Amino acid sequence: MPSILFVCLGNICRSPLAEAALRDEARRRDLDLIVDSAGTGNWHAGEPPDPRAIATAARNGVDIRSLSARQVTRADFTRFDHIVALDHDNLKDLRRLAPADATAELSLLLDHVPGREGQSVVDPWFGDEAGFDVTWAEVTAAARGLAGLAAGTDR
């Protein structure tokens, strides 16, 4: 079963929204996927997503209240097929953290959206709720591409 881990800095904004969007897309397509999210930092470990992320997901019919932040681990690099960073800084950190026996393919989230390759998802943390709506639009577009990849079909 394909497995995908989304990674941002604290695992309370972008990566839980990406996790939720892909879970929802997989449900719509009847795909069996393992989907999770983590942060490169540990300061939010055990906390739920940011209330603005929870509200944004809820407005889009997805409940993320049960998610809990965690830090990426060395084991994640062999447990997941794909580790998808939400921005360049986190991708750089993931490359630095990857153990020698890593098997996961690393990419940026927006590499899975035609025309957005190489771009980062802007962190909505310091903005208002409108920034979370932009993030939701980006992660749902990427979820469609990743679901197609997991299903072996075009985006």
N, C-alpha and C. Protein backbone atom coordinates (compact mmCIF):
# COMPACT_ATOMS: atom_id res chain seq x y z
N MET A 1 0.85 -1.17 0.00
CA MET A 1 0.00 0.00 0.00
C MET A 1 0.90 1.24 0.00
N PRO A 2 0.67 2.18 -0.93
CA PRO A 2 1.50 3.40 -0.98
C PRO A 2 1.38 4.19 0.32
N SER A 3 2.49 4.80 0.71
CA SER A 3 2.51 5.58 1.95
C SER A 3 3.17 6.92 1.72
N ILE A 4 2.54 7.96 2.27
CA ILE A 4 2.99 9.33 2.05
C ILE A 4 2.99 10.08 3.37
N LEU A 5 4.11 10.75 3.65
CA LEU A 5 4.25 11.59 4.85
C LEU A 5 4.45 13.03 4.40
N PHE A 6 3.65 13.93 4.95
CA PHE A 6 3.79 15.36 4.69
C PHE A 6 4.56 16.00 5.83
N VAL A 7 5.49 16.90 5.49
CA VAL A 7 6.32 17.52 6.52
C VAL A 7 6.40 19.02 6.33
N CYS A 8 6.09 19.74 7.43
CA CYS A 8 6.31 21.18 7.50
C CYS A 8 7.13 21.44 8.76
N LEU A 9 7.13 22.64 9.23
CA LEU A 9 7.99 22.99 10.37
C LEU A 9 7.45 22.46 11.70
N GLY A 10 6.23 22.83 12.05
CA GLY A 10 5.70 22.46 13.36
C GLY A 10 4.61 21.41 13.36
N ASN A 11 4.11 21.06 12.18
CA ASN A 11 3.07 20.04 12.04
C ASN A 11 1.74 20.45 12.67
N ILE A 12 1.42 21.75 12.58
CA ILE A 12 0.11 22.19 13.08
C ILE A 12 -0.68 23.02 12.07
N CYS A 13 -0.06 23.36 10.92
CA CYS A 13 -0.78 24.16 9.91
C CYS A 13 -0.82 23.45 8.57
N ARG A 14 0.27 23.57 7.83
CA ARG A 14 0.29 23.09 6.45
C ARG A 14 0.25 21.57 6.33
N SER A 15 1.13 20.87 7.06
CA SER A 15 1.19 19.41 6.85
C SER A 15 -0.07 18.68 7.32
N PRO A 16 -0.73 19.09 8.42
CA PRO A 16 -1.99 18.40 8.73
C PRO A 16 -3.08 18.69 7.69
N LEU A 17 -3.06 19.89 7.11
CA LEU A 17 -4.02 20.18 6.05
C LEU A 17 -3.74 19.33 4.82
N ALA A 18 -2.45 19.13 4.50
CA ALA A 18 -2.10 18.27 3.37
C ALA A 18 -2.51 16.83 3.65
N GLU A 19 -2.26 16.37 4.86
CA GLU A 19 -2.68 15.02 5.25
C GLU A 19 -4.19 14.86 5.07
N ALA A 20 -4.95 15.84 5.56
CA ALA A 20 -6.41 15.78 5.47
C ALA A 20 -6.88 15.80 4.03
N ALA A 21 -6.27 16.65 3.21
CA ALA A 21 -6.68 16.75 1.81
C ALA A 21 -6.42 15.45 1.07
N LEU A 22 -5.27 14.81 1.33
CA LEU A 22 -4.99 13.56 0.63
C LEU A 22 -5.88 12.43 1.14
N ARG A 23 -6.12 12.38 2.44
CA ARG A 23 -7.04 11.36 2.97
C ARG A 23 -8.42 11.51 2.32
N ASP A 24 -8.87 12.75 2.18
CA ASP A 24 -10.18 13.00 1.59
C ASP A 24 -10.20 12.62 0.11
N GLU A 25 -9.15 12.97 -0.61
CA GLU A 25 -9.06 12.61 -2.03
C GLU A 25 -8.98 11.09 -2.21
N ALA A 26 -8.23 10.42 -1.35
CA ALA A 26 -8.12 8.95 -1.42
C ALA A 26 -9.48 8.32 -1.14
N ARG A 27 -10.21 8.87 -0.19
CA ARG A 27 -11.56 8.35 0.11
C ARG A 27 -12.46 8.51 -1.10
N ARG A 28 -12.40 9.67 -1.75
CA ARG A 28 -13.23 9.92 -2.94
C ARG A 28 -12.89 8.95 -4.08
N ARG A 29 -11.61 8.62 -4.21
CA ARG A 29 -11.17 7.73 -5.29
C ARG A 29 -11.15 6.26 -4.88
N ASP A 30 -11.51 6.00 -3.65
CA ASP A 30 -11.48 4.63 -3.12
C ASP A 30 -10.08 4.02 -3.22
N LEU A 31 -9.08 4.80 -2.81
CA LEU A 31 -7.69 4.36 -2.81
C LEU A 31 -7.27 3.98 -1.39
N ASP A 32 -6.49 2.93 -1.28
CA ASP A 32 -5.90 2.56 0.01
C ASP A 32 -4.52 3.18 0.09
N LEU A 33 -4.37 4.15 0.97
CA LEU A 33 -3.09 4.84 1.18
C LEU A 33 -2.82 4.93 2.67
N ILE A 34 -1.55 4.96 3.01
CA ILE A 34 -1.13 5.32 4.36
C ILE A 34 -0.69 6.78 4.28
N VAL A 35 -1.32 7.63 5.06
CA VAL A 35 -1.06 9.06 5.01
C VAL A 35 -0.83 9.57 6.43
N ASP A 36 0.21 10.37 6.59
CA ASP A 36 0.54 10.93 7.90
C ASP A 36 1.20 12.28 7.69
N SER A 37 1.46 12.97 8.77
CA SER A 37 2.18 14.24 8.70
C SER A 37 3.06 14.38 9.93
N ALA A 38 4.09 15.21 9.79
CA ALA A 38 5.05 15.44 10.87
C ALA A 38 5.70 16.80 10.65
N GLY A 39 6.46 17.22 11.65
CA GLY A 39 7.20 18.46 11.55
C GLY A 39 8.68 18.22 11.72
N THR A 40 9.49 19.11 11.19
CA THR A 40 10.92 18.98 11.41
C THR A 40 11.28 19.43 12.82
N GLY A 41 10.45 20.28 13.40
CA GLY A 41 10.65 20.72 14.78
C GLY A 41 9.75 19.94 15.73
N ASN A 42 10.08 19.99 17.01
CA ASN A 42 9.31 19.21 17.99
C ASN A 42 8.53 20.05 18.99
N TRP A 43 8.55 21.35 18.86
CA TRP A 43 7.95 22.21 19.90
C TRP A 43 6.44 22.12 19.98
N HIS A 44 5.76 21.56 18.98
CA HIS A 44 4.30 21.40 19.04
C HIS A 44 3.88 19.94 19.22
N ALA A 45 4.86 19.06 19.47
CA ALA A 45 4.56 17.62 19.57
C ALA A 45 3.43 17.38 20.57
N GLY A 46 2.46 16.58 20.14
CA GLY A 46 1.32 16.25 20.97
C GLY A 46 0.17 17.24 20.90
N GLU A 47 0.38 18.37 20.26
CA GLU A 47 -0.68 19.39 20.16
C GLU A 47 -1.58 19.12 18.95
N PRO A 48 -2.83 19.58 19.02
CA PRO A 48 -3.72 19.48 17.85
C PRO A 48 -3.32 20.53 16.82
N PRO A 49 -3.87 20.44 15.61
CA PRO A 49 -3.61 21.48 14.61
C PRO A 49 -4.06 22.86 15.11
N ASP A 50 -3.49 23.88 14.51
CA ASP A 50 -3.87 25.26 14.78
C ASP A 50 -5.39 25.40 14.59
N PRO A 51 -6.06 26.16 15.46
CA PRO A 51 -7.52 26.32 15.32
C PRO A 51 -7.95 26.84 13.95
N ARG A 52 -7.12 27.66 13.32
CA ARG A 52 -7.46 28.16 11.98
C ARG A 52 -7.39 27.04 10.94
N ALA A 53 -6.45 26.10 11.12
CA ALA A 53 -6.37 24.94 10.22
C ALA A 53 -7.59 24.05 10.43
N ILE A 54 -7.95 23.84 11.68
CA ILE A 54 -9.13 23.02 11.99
C ILE A 54 -10.37 23.64 11.34
N ALA A 55 -10.54 24.96 11.47
CA ALA A 55 -11.70 25.65 10.91
C ALA A 55 -11.71 25.57 9.39
N THR A 56 -10.54 25.73 8.77
CA THR A 56 -10.45 25.67 7.31
C THR A 56 -10.82 24.28 6.81
N ALA A 57 -10.27 23.25 7.42
CA ALA A 57 -10.61 21.89 7.01
C ALA A 57 -12.11 21.63 7.21
N ALA A 58 -12.65 22.08 8.33
CA ALA A 58 -14.07 21.87 8.62
C ALA A 58 -14.96 22.55 7.57
N ARG A 59 -14.59 23.76 7.16
CA ARG A 59 -15.36 24.45 6.11
C ARG A 59 -15.36 23.67 4.80
N ASN A 60 -14.36 22.79 4.66
CA ASN A 60 -14.25 21.98 3.45
C ASN A 60 -14.66 20.53 3.68
N GLY A 61 -15.38 20.31 4.78
CA GLY A 61 -15.97 19.01 5.04
C GLY A 61 -15.03 17.96 5.62
N VAL A 62 -13.90 18.39 6.19
CA VAL A 62 -12.93 17.44 6.72
C VAL A 62 -12.64 17.79 8.19
N ASP A 63 -12.67 16.78 9.04
CA ASP A 63 -12.44 16.96 10.47
C ASP A 63 -11.00 16.56 10.81
N ILE A 64 -10.19 17.51 11.26
CA ILE A 64 -8.80 17.21 11.63
C ILE A 64 -8.54 17.39 13.12
N ARG A 65 -9.61 17.50 13.89
CA ARG A 65 -9.44 17.75 15.34
C ARG A 65 -8.68 16.63 16.04
N SER A 66 -8.73 15.42 15.53
CA SER A 66 -8.07 14.29 16.21
C SER A 66 -6.58 14.17 15.87
N LEU A 67 -6.10 14.96 14.90
CA LEU A 67 -4.68 14.88 14.55
C LEU A 67 -3.83 15.45 15.67
N SER A 68 -2.61 14.95 15.77
CA SER A 68 -1.69 15.38 16.82
C SER A 68 -0.30 15.57 16.21
N ALA A 69 0.31 16.70 16.50
CA ALA A 69 1.63 17.01 15.93
C ALA A 69 2.69 16.04 16.46
N ARG A 70 3.62 15.72 15.57
CA ARG A 70 4.76 14.90 15.95
C ARG A 70 5.96 15.35 15.13
N GLN A 71 7.13 14.96 15.57
CA GLN A 71 8.35 15.28 14.84
C GLN A 71 8.72 14.11 13.93
N VAL A 72 9.25 14.43 12.76
CA VAL A 72 9.71 13.40 11.84
C VAL A 72 10.82 12.59 12.51
N THR A 73 10.86 11.30 12.23
CA THR A 73 11.86 10.41 12.83
C THR A 73 12.71 9.76 11.74
N ARG A 74 13.83 9.20 12.14
CA ARG A 74 14.68 8.48 11.19
C ARG A 74 13.92 7.32 10.56
N ALA A 75 13.08 6.66 11.35
CA ALA A 75 12.32 5.51 10.85
C ALA A 75 11.35 5.91 9.73
N ASP A 76 10.91 7.16 9.72
CA ASP A 76 9.99 7.62 8.68
C ASP A 76 10.61 7.49 7.29
N PHE A 77 11.92 7.58 7.20
CA PHE A 77 12.60 7.55 5.91
C PHE A 77 12.60 6.16 5.26
N THR A 78 12.28 5.13 6.03
CA THR A 78 12.12 3.79 5.47
C THR A 78 10.68 3.31 5.57
N ARG A 79 9.90 3.90 6.45
CA ARG A 79 8.50 3.50 6.63
C ARG A 79 7.60 4.03 5.52
N PHE A 80 7.93 5.20 4.97
CA PHE A 80 7.10 5.83 3.94
C PHE A 80 7.75 5.74 2.56
N ASP A 81 6.90 5.60 1.53
CA ASP A 81 7.39 5.60 0.16
C ASP A 81 7.78 7.00 -0.29
N HIS A 82 6.98 7.97 0.14
CA HIS A 82 7.19 9.37 -0.25
C HIS A 82 7.14 10.24 0.99
N ILE A 83 8.11 11.14 1.09
CA ILE A 83 8.08 12.18 2.12
C ILE A 83 8.03 13.50 1.37
N VAL A 84 6.97 14.24 1.62
CA VAL A 84 6.67 15.43 0.84
C VAL A 84 6.77 16.67 1.74
N ALA A 85 7.74 17.52 1.42
CA ALA A 85 7.96 18.75 2.19
C ALA A 85 7.07 19.86 1.66
N LEU A 86 6.65 20.73 2.58
CA LEU A 86 5.78 21.82 2.18
C LEU A 86 6.55 23.04 1.69
N ASP A 87 7.86 23.10 1.96
CA ASP A 87 8.66 24.22 1.48
C ASP A 87 10.12 23.80 1.35
N HIS A 88 10.91 24.69 0.75
CA HIS A 88 12.33 24.40 0.50
C HIS A 88 13.14 24.21 1.77
N ASP A 89 12.87 24.98 2.80
CA ASP A 89 13.63 24.84 4.05
C ASP A 89 13.41 23.47 4.67
N ASN A 90 12.18 23.01 4.68
CA ASN A 90 11.90 21.68 5.25
C ASN A 90 12.47 20.57 4.37
N LEU A 91 12.45 20.76 3.06
CA LEU A 91 13.06 19.77 2.17
C LEU A 91 14.57 19.69 2.44
N LYS A 92 15.19 20.83 2.62
CA LYS A 92 16.62 20.86 2.95
C LYS A 92 16.89 20.15 4.27
N ASP A 93 16.05 20.41 5.27
CA ASP A 93 16.21 19.73 6.57
C ASP A 93 16.00 18.22 6.44
N LEU A 94 15.03 17.81 5.64
CA LEU A 94 14.78 16.39 5.45
C LEU A 94 15.98 15.71 4.79
N ARG A 95 16.57 16.38 3.82
CA ARG A 95 17.77 15.81 3.17
C ARG A 95 18.90 15.66 4.17
N ARG A 96 19.01 16.60 5.08
CA ARG A 96 20.05 16.54 6.11
C ARG A 96 19.76 15.45 7.12
N LEU A 97 18.49 15.24 7.46
CA LEU A 97 18.09 14.26 8.46
C LEU A 97 18.04 12.83 7.93
N ALA A 98 17.97 12.67 6.61
CA ALA A 98 17.78 11.34 6.04
C ALA A 98 18.96 10.43 6.37
N PRO A 99 18.69 9.25 6.93
CA PRO A 99 19.76 8.30 7.21
C PRO A 99 20.27 7.67 5.91
N ALA A 100 21.41 7.04 5.98
CA ALA A 100 22.03 6.43 4.79
C ALA A 100 21.14 5.37 4.16
N ASP A 101 20.32 4.70 4.96
CA ASP A 101 19.46 3.64 4.42
C ASP A 101 18.07 4.12 4.02
N ALA A 102 17.89 5.43 3.88
CA ALA A 102 16.58 5.98 3.52
C ALA A 102 16.12 5.44 2.16
N THR A 103 14.85 5.09 2.10
CA THR A 103 14.26 4.60 0.86
C THR A 103 13.15 5.51 0.35
N ALA A 104 12.68 6.43 1.18
CA ALA A 104 11.59 7.32 0.79
C ALA A 104 12.07 8.30 -0.28
N GLU A 105 11.17 8.56 -1.22
CA GLU A 105 11.44 9.57 -2.24
C GLU A 105 11.03 10.92 -1.66
N LEU A 106 11.93 11.91 -1.71
CA LEU A 106 11.66 13.25 -1.19
C LEU A 106 11.21 14.16 -2.33
N SER A 107 10.24 15.02 -2.03
CA SER A 107 9.78 16.00 -3.02
C SER A 107 9.16 17.17 -2.30
N LEU A 108 8.89 18.22 -3.06
CA LEU A 108 8.10 19.36 -2.58
C LEU A 108 6.64 19.08 -2.92
N LEU A 109 5.74 19.52 -2.07
CA LEU A 109 4.32 19.29 -2.31
C LEU A 109 3.87 19.83 -3.66
N LEU A 110 4.26 21.04 -3.98
CA LEU A 110 3.76 21.65 -5.21
C LEU A 110 4.44 21.10 -6.46
N ASP A 111 5.43 20.21 -6.30
CA ASP A 111 5.97 19.48 -7.45
C ASP A 111 4.89 18.59 -8.05
N HIS A 112 3.84 18.32 -7.31
CA HIS A 112 2.76 17.44 -7.75
C HIS A 112 1.58 18.20 -8.33
N VAL A 113 1.79 19.49 -8.60
CA VAL A 113 0.78 20.34 -9.23
C VAL A 113 1.37 20.89 -10.53
N PRO A 114 0.84 20.50 -11.67
CA PRO A 114 1.39 20.99 -12.93
C PRO A 114 1.47 22.52 -12.95
N GLY A 115 2.64 23.02 -13.32
CA GLY A 115 2.86 24.46 -13.38
C GLY A 115 3.33 25.08 -12.08
N ARG A 116 3.34 24.32 -10.98
CA ARG A 116 3.76 24.85 -9.67
C ARG A 116 5.05 24.19 -9.18
N GLU A 117 5.65 23.34 -10.00
CA GLU A 117 6.86 22.61 -9.61
C GLU A 117 7.92 23.56 -9.06
N GLY A 118 8.57 23.14 -7.98
CA GLY A 118 9.65 23.92 -7.38
C GLY A 118 9.18 25.03 -6.46
N GLN A 119 7.88 25.22 -6.30
CA GLN A 119 7.36 26.27 -5.45
C GLN A 119 7.04 25.74 -4.06
N SER A 120 7.09 26.63 -3.09
CA SER A 120 6.74 26.30 -1.71
C SER A 120 5.32 26.71 -1.39
N VAL A 121 4.71 25.98 -0.47
CA VAL A 121 3.42 26.40 0.10
C VAL A 121 3.76 27.44 1.16
N VAL A 122 3.20 28.62 1.03
CA VAL A 122 3.48 29.70 1.98
C VAL A 122 2.90 29.33 3.35
N ASP A 123 3.67 29.58 4.38
CA ASP A 123 3.24 29.26 5.75
C ASP A 123 2.19 30.29 6.20
N PRO A 124 0.97 29.84 6.51
CA PRO A 124 -0.08 30.78 6.90
C PRO A 124 -0.03 31.19 8.38
N TRP A 125 0.90 30.66 9.13
CA TRP A 125 0.97 30.83 10.59
C TRP A 125 0.82 32.28 11.04
N PHE A 126 1.52 33.21 10.40
CA PHE A 126 1.52 34.59 10.87
C PHE A 126 0.41 35.45 10.26
N GLY A 127 -0.41 34.85 9.40
CA GLY A 127 -1.47 35.61 8.76
C GLY A 127 -2.83 35.35 9.38
N ASP A 128 -3.84 35.70 8.63
CA ASP A 128 -5.20 35.48 9.10
C ASP A 128 -5.77 34.22 8.45
N GLU A 129 -7.03 34.00 8.67
CA GLU A 129 -7.67 32.78 8.18
C GLU A 129 -7.64 32.68 6.66
N ALA A 130 -7.60 33.81 5.96
CA ALA A 130 -7.55 33.78 4.50
C ALA A 130 -6.31 33.04 4.01
N GLY A 131 -5.21 33.15 4.72
CA GLY A 131 -3.99 32.41 4.35
C GLY A 131 -4.19 30.91 4.43
N PHE A 132 -5.00 30.47 5.37
CA PHE A 132 -5.28 29.04 5.49
C PHE A 132 -6.14 28.55 4.33
N ASP A 133 -7.00 29.42 3.81
CA ASP A 133 -7.80 29.06 2.64
C ASP A 133 -6.90 28.88 1.42
N VAL A 134 -5.89 29.74 1.28
CA VAL A 134 -4.92 29.61 0.19
C VAL A 134 -4.17 28.29 0.34
N THR A 135 -3.74 28.00 1.56
CA THR A 135 -3.04 26.73 1.82
C THR A 135 -3.93 25.56 1.47
N TRP A 136 -5.20 25.59 1.86
CA TRP A 136 -6.13 24.50 1.55
C TRP A 136 -6.24 24.30 0.04
N ALA A 137 -6.34 25.39 -0.71
CA ALA A 137 -6.42 25.27 -2.17
C ALA A 137 -5.17 24.61 -2.73
N GLU A 138 -4.01 24.97 -2.22
CA GLU A 138 -2.76 24.39 -2.70
C GLU A 138 -2.64 22.91 -2.34
N VAL A 139 -2.97 22.57 -1.09
CA VAL A 139 -2.81 21.16 -0.69
C VAL A 139 -3.85 20.27 -1.36
N THR A 140 -5.03 20.79 -1.66
CA THR A 140 -6.02 19.95 -2.34
C THR A 140 -5.62 19.73 -3.80
N ALA A 141 -5.04 20.73 -4.44
CA ALA A 141 -4.54 20.55 -5.81
C ALA A 141 -3.44 19.49 -5.82
N ALA A 142 -2.55 19.56 -4.85
CA ALA A 142 -1.47 18.58 -4.76
C ALA A 142 -2.00 17.20 -4.41
N ALA A 143 -3.04 17.13 -3.59
CA ALA A 143 -3.63 15.84 -3.23
C ALA A 143 -4.16 15.13 -4.47
N ARG A 144 -4.74 15.87 -5.39
CA ARG A 144 -5.21 15.26 -6.63
C ARG A 144 -4.05 14.65 -7.40
N GLY A 145 -2.93 15.38 -7.49
CA GLY A 145 -1.76 14.86 -8.19
C GLY A 145 -1.16 13.66 -7.50
N LEU A 146 -1.06 13.72 -6.18
CA LEU A 146 -0.50 12.59 -5.43
C LEU A 146 -1.40 11.37 -5.48
N ALA A 147 -2.69 11.57 -5.47
CA ALA A 147 -3.61 10.44 -5.57
C ALA A 147 -3.47 9.78 -6.94
N GLY A 148 -3.28 10.58 -7.96
CA GLY A 148 -3.04 10.02 -9.29
C GLY A 148 -1.75 9.24 -9.35
N LEU A 149 -0.71 9.75 -8.69
CA LEU A 149 0.57 9.05 -8.62
C LEU A 149 0.40 7.72 -7.89
N ALA A 150 -0.30 7.76 -6.77
CA ALA A 150 -0.51 6.55 -5.98
C ALA A 150 -1.36 5.52 -6.73
N ALA A 151 -2.29 6.00 -7.52
CA ALA A 151 -3.17 5.12 -8.28
C ALA A 151 -2.53 4.65 -9.59
N GLY A 152 -1.39 5.29 -9.94
CA GLY A 152 -0.72 4.94 -11.19
C GLY A 152 -1.38 5.55 -12.41
N THR A 153 -2.11 6.65 -12.18
CA THR A 153 -2.77 7.35 -13.29
C THR A 153 -2.21 8.74 -13.40
N ASP A 154 -2.55 9.41 -14.47
CA ASP A 154 -2.16 10.81 -14.63
C ASP A 154 -2.89 11.66 -13.62
N ARG A 155 -2.37 12.86 -13.41
CA ARG A 155 -2.96 13.80 -12.49
C ARG A 155 -4.31 14.20 -13.01
